Amino acid sequence: MVNIPTYAEACQEAKWHAVLSDPTRIQIWCMVRASGQISTGDIIEQCGISGRMASYHLGLMRRSGVIRALDKRDKGGRVCYEMKKTA
């Protein structure tokens, strides 16, 4: 028998796919996943995007539950991020 997700699970999965449908957000997701934790400054530098664009993409990813902001900051005062833990 095929394991079909519930409607609520499918909605969450669709949200993830929508968020990760952008190439820059895929880059960010891969960096966060590979590093465990990464600062906004590192994301800006490695993706070659502006701080404003990084903030936009990180905000979408944070609100959708893909990543979470940590309570720590890098030496430049920039927020650090990690993958959001799933239950």
Protein backbone atom coordinates (compact mmCIF):
# COMPACT_ATOMS: atom_id res chain seq x y z
CA MET A 1 0.00 0.00 0.00
CA VAL A 2 1.24 3.48 -0.88
CA ASN A 3 1.76 5.90 2.01
CA ILE A 4 -0.20 8.99 0.96
CA PRO A 5 0.26 12.13 3.06
CA THR A 6 -2.69 13.73 4.79
CA TYR A 7 -4.02 16.95 3.32
CA ALA A 8 -2.24 18.96 6.04
CA GLU A 9 1.05 17.17 5.33
CA ALA A 10 0.63 17.77 1.60
CA CYS A 11 0.01 21.49 2.26
CA GLN A 12 3.24 21.71 4.28
CA GLU A 13 5.15 19.89 1.55
CA ALA A 14 3.72 22.24 -1.09
CA LYS A 15 4.84 25.22 0.99
CA TRP A 16 8.40 23.85 1.11
CA HIS A 17 8.43 23.28 -2.64
CA ALA A 18 7.14 26.80 -3.29
CA VAL A 19 9.80 28.34 -1.05
CA LEU A 20 12.58 26.29 -2.62
CA SER A 21 11.44 27.04 -6.19
CA ASP A 22 13.87 29.97 -6.38
CA PRO A 23 17.53 29.31 -7.31
CA THR A 24 18.89 31.75 -4.70
CA ARG A 25 16.85 30.11 -1.95
CA ILE A 26 18.11 26.69 -3.07
CA GLN A 27 21.67 28.04 -2.76
CA ILE A 28 20.92 29.38 0.72
CA TRP A 29 19.24 26.13 1.79
CA CYS A 30 22.24 24.10 0.59
CA MET A 31 24.67 26.39 2.43
CA VAL A 32 22.70 26.22 5.68
CA ARG A 33 22.33 22.45 5.40
CA ALA A 34 26.05 21.92 4.63
CA SER A 35 27.38 24.27 7.31
CA GLY A 36 24.92 23.56 10.13
CA GLN A 37 24.92 27.26 10.97
CA ILE A 38 25.70 30.22 8.73
CA SER A 39 25.60 33.98 9.13
CA THR A 40 23.82 36.44 6.90
CA GLY A 41 27.21 37.88 5.97
CA ASP A 42 28.44 34.52 4.70
CA ILE A 43 25.24 34.07 2.69
CA ILE A 44 25.65 37.52 1.12
CA GLU A 45 29.28 36.83 0.24
CA GLN A 46 28.84 33.30 -1.09
CA CYS A 47 25.65 34.00 -3.09
CA GLY A 48 26.85 37.37 -4.37
CA ILE A 49 23.60 39.10 -3.41
CA SER A 50 22.82 42.33 -1.57
CA GLY A 51 21.91 42.46 2.08
CA ARG A 52 18.41 43.50 1.10
CA MET A 53 17.97 40.43 -1.15
CA ALA A 54 19.42 38.14 1.52
CA SER A 55 16.97 39.55 4.04
CA TYR A 56 14.07 39.01 1.64
CA HIS A 57 14.96 35.38 0.90
CA LEU A 58 15.83 34.54 4.51
CA GLY A 59 12.55 36.05 5.69
CA LEU A 60 10.53 33.88 3.32
CA MET A 61 12.47 30.80 4.34
CA ARG A 62 12.12 31.60 8.05
CA ARG A 63 8.37 32.28 7.86
CA SER A 64 7.78 29.04 5.95
CA GLY A 65 9.66 26.99 8.53
CA VAL A 66 12.60 25.93 6.33
CA ILE A 67 15.23 27.65 8.51
CA ARG A 68 15.31 29.40 11.85
CA ALA A 69 17.26 32.37 13.15
CA LEU A 70 19.56 31.71 16.08
CA ASP A 71 19.94 33.95 19.10
CA LYS A 72 23.61 34.41 18.23
CA ARG A 73 25.25 36.80 15.80
CA ASP A 74 28.54 36.80 13.93
CA LYS A 75 31.34 39.29 14.67
CA GLY A 76 29.73 41.80 12.31
CA GLY A 77 26.45 41.63 14.24
CA ARG A 78 24.68 39.65 11.54
CA VAL A 79 22.11 36.99 12.41
CA CYS A 80 23.05 33.30 12.10
CA TYR A 81 20.69 30.65 10.72
CA GLU A 82 20.29 26.88 10.90
CA MET A 83 17.90 24.28 9.50
CA LYS A 84 14.65 24.16 11.41
CA LYS A 85 14.33 20.96 13.38
CA THR A 86 11.35 18.82 12.45
CA ALA A 87 9.42 16.73 14.92
